[in-house]
Amino acid sequence: VKLDQRGRIEVDKNFQTSCKGVYAIGDCIQGPMLAHKAEDEGIICVEGIATGHEPHIDYNCVPSVIYTFPEV
């Protein structure tokens, strides 16, 4: 499995790694480390595997959060 410069797993648009049949989602790939992002990626990845259609995720629709100190 190929890693990028930051140690994250490289995936293609289908979430497939450099090893055929091996997929990666969530915190181990590029993007925000959010549980609900990983959940969306998992659903979309499996739908792509099951249907053979190219998966699509709009990361602009995935909620994000900003933590501050002190809390606002």
N, C-alpha and C. Protein backbone atom coordinates (compact mmCIF):
# COMPACT_ATOMS: atom_id res chain seq x y z
N VAL A 1 0.86 -1.17 0.00
CA VAL A 1 0.00 0.00 0.00
C VAL A 1 0.90 1.23 0.00
N LYS A 2 0.64 2.14 -0.94
CA LYS A 2 1.44 3.37 -1.03
C LYS A 2 0.96 4.40 -0.03
N LEU A 3 1.92 5.11 0.56
CA LEU A 3 1.63 6.20 1.49
C LEU A 3 2.07 7.52 0.89
N ASP A 4 1.40 8.61 1.29
CA ASP A 4 1.84 9.93 0.85
C ASP A 4 2.92 10.45 1.80
N GLN A 5 3.33 11.70 1.61
CA GLN A 5 4.41 12.27 2.42
C GLN A 5 4.05 12.39 3.89
N ARG A 6 2.77 12.43 4.20
CA ARG A 6 2.33 12.57 5.59
C ARG A 6 1.95 11.23 6.22
N GLY A 7 2.18 10.14 5.49
CA GLY A 7 1.91 8.81 6.03
C GLY A 7 0.48 8.34 5.84
N ARG A 8 -0.31 9.08 5.07
CA ARG A 8 -1.69 8.66 4.80
C ARG A 8 -1.71 7.69 3.62
N ILE A 9 -2.68 6.82 3.60
CA ILE A 9 -2.81 5.86 2.51
C ILE A 9 -3.34 6.57 1.27
N GLU A 10 -2.68 6.34 0.14
CA GLU A 10 -3.13 6.92 -1.12
C GLU A 10 -4.24 6.06 -1.70
N VAL A 11 -5.32 6.72 -2.12
CA VAL A 11 -6.45 6.02 -2.74
C VAL A 11 -6.83 6.73 -4.03
N ASP A 12 -7.52 5.99 -4.91
CA ASP A 12 -8.04 6.61 -6.12
C ASP A 12 -9.46 7.11 -5.87
N LYS A 13 -10.14 7.55 -6.92
CA LYS A 13 -11.49 8.11 -6.76
C LYS A 13 -12.50 7.08 -6.26
N ASN A 14 -12.14 5.79 -6.32
CA ASN A 14 -13.01 4.72 -5.82
C ASN A 14 -12.62 4.27 -4.42
N PHE A 15 -11.67 4.96 -3.80
CA PHE A 15 -11.13 4.63 -2.47
C PHE A 15 -10.27 3.37 -2.49
N GLN A 16 -9.86 2.92 -3.69
CA GLN A 16 -9.01 1.73 -3.79
C GLN A 16 -7.55 2.15 -3.62
N THR A 17 -6.82 1.34 -2.88
CA THR A 17 -5.40 1.60 -2.66
C THR A 17 -4.59 1.08 -3.85
N SER A 18 -3.28 1.14 -3.73
CA SER A 18 -2.41 0.62 -4.79
C SER A 18 -2.47 -0.90 -4.89
N CYS A 19 -3.07 -1.55 -3.90
CA CYS A 19 -3.26 -3.01 -3.93
C CYS A 19 -4.68 -3.31 -4.38
N LYS A 20 -4.81 -4.00 -5.49
CA LYS A 20 -6.13 -4.31 -6.04
C LYS A 20 -7.00 -5.03 -5.00
N GLY A 21 -8.23 -4.55 -4.85
CA GLY A 21 -9.16 -5.16 -3.91
C GLY A 21 -9.04 -4.68 -2.48
N VAL A 22 -8.10 -3.75 -2.23
CA VAL A 22 -7.92 -3.20 -0.88
C VAL A 22 -8.35 -1.73 -0.92
N TYR A 23 -9.28 -1.37 -0.05
CA TYR A 23 -9.84 -0.03 -0.01
C TYR A 23 -9.54 0.62 1.33
N ALA A 24 -9.52 1.96 1.35
CA ALA A 24 -9.26 2.69 2.59
C ALA A 24 -10.17 3.91 2.64
N ILE A 25 -10.65 4.22 3.85
CA ILE A 25 -11.50 5.39 4.08
C ILE A 25 -11.13 6.00 5.43
N GLY A 26 -11.69 7.15 5.71
CA GLY A 26 -11.59 7.73 7.05
C GLY A 26 -10.28 8.42 7.35
N ASP A 27 -9.85 8.29 8.60
CA ASP A 27 -8.68 9.02 9.10
C ASP A 27 -7.38 8.64 8.42
N CYS A 28 -7.31 7.47 7.80
CA CYS A 28 -6.04 7.03 7.21
C CYS A 28 -5.83 7.56 5.79
N ILE A 29 -6.81 8.30 5.23
CA ILE A 29 -6.64 8.91 3.92
C ILE A 29 -6.71 10.42 4.06
N GLN A 30 -6.43 11.12 2.95
CA GLN A 30 -6.44 12.58 2.96
C GLN A 30 -7.82 13.11 3.29
N GLY A 31 -7.86 14.22 4.01
CA GLY A 31 -9.11 14.88 4.35
C GLY A 31 -9.26 15.03 5.85
N PRO A 32 -10.32 15.72 6.25
CA PRO A 32 -10.54 15.94 7.68
C PRO A 32 -10.76 14.63 8.42
N MET A 33 -10.29 14.59 9.65
CA MET A 33 -10.43 13.38 10.47
C MET A 33 -11.72 13.49 11.28
N LEU A 34 -12.82 13.17 10.62
CA LEU A 34 -14.14 13.27 11.24
C LEU A 34 -14.87 11.94 11.05
N ALA A 35 -15.50 11.46 12.11
CA ALA A 35 -16.18 10.16 12.06
C ALA A 35 -17.29 10.15 11.02
N HIS A 36 -18.06 11.22 10.92
CA HIS A 36 -19.17 11.23 9.97
C HIS A 36 -18.67 11.31 8.52
N LYS A 37 -17.49 11.87 8.29
CA LYS A 37 -16.88 11.84 6.95
C LYS A 37 -16.51 10.41 6.60
N ALA A 38 -15.91 9.69 7.55
CA ALA A 38 -15.54 8.29 7.32
C ALA A 38 -16.78 7.43 7.06
N GLU A 39 -17.85 7.70 7.80
CA GLU A 39 -19.09 6.95 7.60
C GLU A 39 -19.62 7.16 6.18
N ASP A 40 -19.65 8.42 5.73
CA ASP A 40 -20.10 8.71 4.37
C ASP A 40 -19.21 8.03 3.33
N GLU A 41 -17.90 8.09 3.54
CA GLU A 41 -16.97 7.44 2.61
C GLU A 41 -17.20 5.93 2.57
N GLY A 42 -17.44 5.33 3.73
CA GLY A 42 -17.69 3.90 3.78
C GLY A 42 -18.91 3.49 3.00
N ILE A 43 -19.99 4.22 3.17
CA ILE A 43 -21.23 3.93 2.46
C ILE A 43 -21.02 4.08 0.96
N ILE A 44 -20.40 5.18 0.56
CA ILE A 44 -20.20 5.45 -0.86
C ILE A 44 -19.23 4.44 -1.48
N CYS A 45 -18.20 4.07 -0.74
CA CYS A 45 -17.22 3.09 -1.22
C CYS A 45 -17.89 1.74 -1.47
N VAL A 46 -18.67 1.27 -0.52
CA VAL A 46 -19.34 -0.03 -0.66
C VAL A 46 -20.38 0.01 -1.77
N GLU A 47 -21.10 1.12 -1.90
CA GLU A 47 -22.06 1.24 -3.00
C GLU A 47 -21.35 1.14 -4.34
N GLY A 48 -20.17 1.76 -4.44
CA GLY A 48 -19.39 1.68 -5.68
C GLY A 48 -18.92 0.27 -5.97
N ILE A 49 -18.47 -0.43 -4.94
CA ILE A 49 -18.03 -1.82 -5.12
C ILE A 49 -19.21 -2.70 -5.55
N ALA A 50 -20.36 -2.52 -4.90
CA ALA A 50 -21.52 -3.37 -5.15
C ALA A 50 -22.16 -3.11 -6.52
N THR A 51 -22.17 -1.85 -6.96
CA THR A 51 -22.86 -1.51 -8.20
C THR A 51 -21.94 -1.39 -9.40
N GLY A 52 -20.65 -1.18 -9.15
CA GLY A 52 -19.71 -0.96 -10.24
C GLY A 52 -19.71 0.47 -10.75
N HIS A 53 -20.56 1.32 -10.16
CA HIS A 53 -20.59 2.73 -10.56
C HIS A 53 -19.51 3.51 -9.82
N GLU A 54 -19.03 4.56 -10.47
CA GLU A 54 -18.02 5.41 -9.84
C GLU A 54 -18.64 6.16 -8.68
N PRO A 55 -18.08 6.03 -7.48
CA PRO A 55 -18.65 6.73 -6.32
C PRO A 55 -18.38 8.23 -6.39
N HIS A 56 -19.25 8.99 -5.76
CA HIS A 56 -19.07 10.44 -5.69
C HIS A 56 -19.45 10.91 -4.30
N ILE A 57 -18.59 11.71 -3.72
CA ILE A 57 -18.89 12.33 -2.43
C ILE A 57 -18.60 13.82 -2.55
N ASP A 58 -19.53 14.63 -2.09
CA ASP A 58 -19.36 16.08 -2.10
C ASP A 58 -18.91 16.50 -0.71
N TYR A 59 -17.61 16.72 -0.56
CA TYR A 59 -17.07 17.06 0.75
C TYR A 59 -17.56 18.42 1.25
N ASN A 60 -18.12 19.24 0.36
CA ASN A 60 -18.70 20.51 0.80
C ASN A 60 -19.97 20.31 1.62
N CYS A 61 -20.58 19.13 1.50
CA CYS A 61 -21.81 18.83 2.24
C CYS A 61 -21.54 18.10 3.55
N VAL A 62 -20.29 17.78 3.83
CA VAL A 62 -19.94 17.09 5.07
C VAL A 62 -19.70 18.15 6.15
N PRO A 63 -20.48 18.15 7.22
CA PRO A 63 -20.30 19.15 8.27
C PRO A 63 -18.90 19.07 8.88
N SER A 64 -18.39 20.23 9.28
CA SER A 64 -17.08 20.27 9.94
C SER A 64 -17.21 21.05 11.24
N VAL A 65 -16.13 21.13 11.98
CA VAL A 65 -16.16 21.77 13.28
C VAL A 65 -14.84 22.49 13.51
N ILE A 66 -14.89 23.53 14.30
CA ILE A 66 -13.67 24.25 14.72
C ILE A 66 -13.68 24.30 16.23
N TYR A 67 -12.61 23.82 16.84
CA TYR A 67 -12.47 23.87 18.29
C TYR A 67 -11.63 25.09 18.66
N THR A 68 -12.05 25.79 19.72
CA THR A 68 -11.31 26.96 20.18
C THR A 68 -10.99 26.84 21.66
N PHE A 69 -9.95 27.53 22.05
CA PHE A 69 -9.62 27.62 23.47
C PHE A 69 -9.29 29.07 23.76
N PRO A 70 -10.02 29.70 24.64
CA PRO A 70 -11.13 29.14 25.41
C PRO A 70 -12.35 28.90 24.53
N GLU A 71 -13.29 28.09 25.05
CA GLU A 71 -14.51 27.81 24.30
C GLU A 71 -15.28 29.09 24.09
N VAL A 72 -15.93 29.19 22.95
CA VAL A 72 -16.73 30.37 22.63
C VAL A 72 -18.19 30.05 22.83
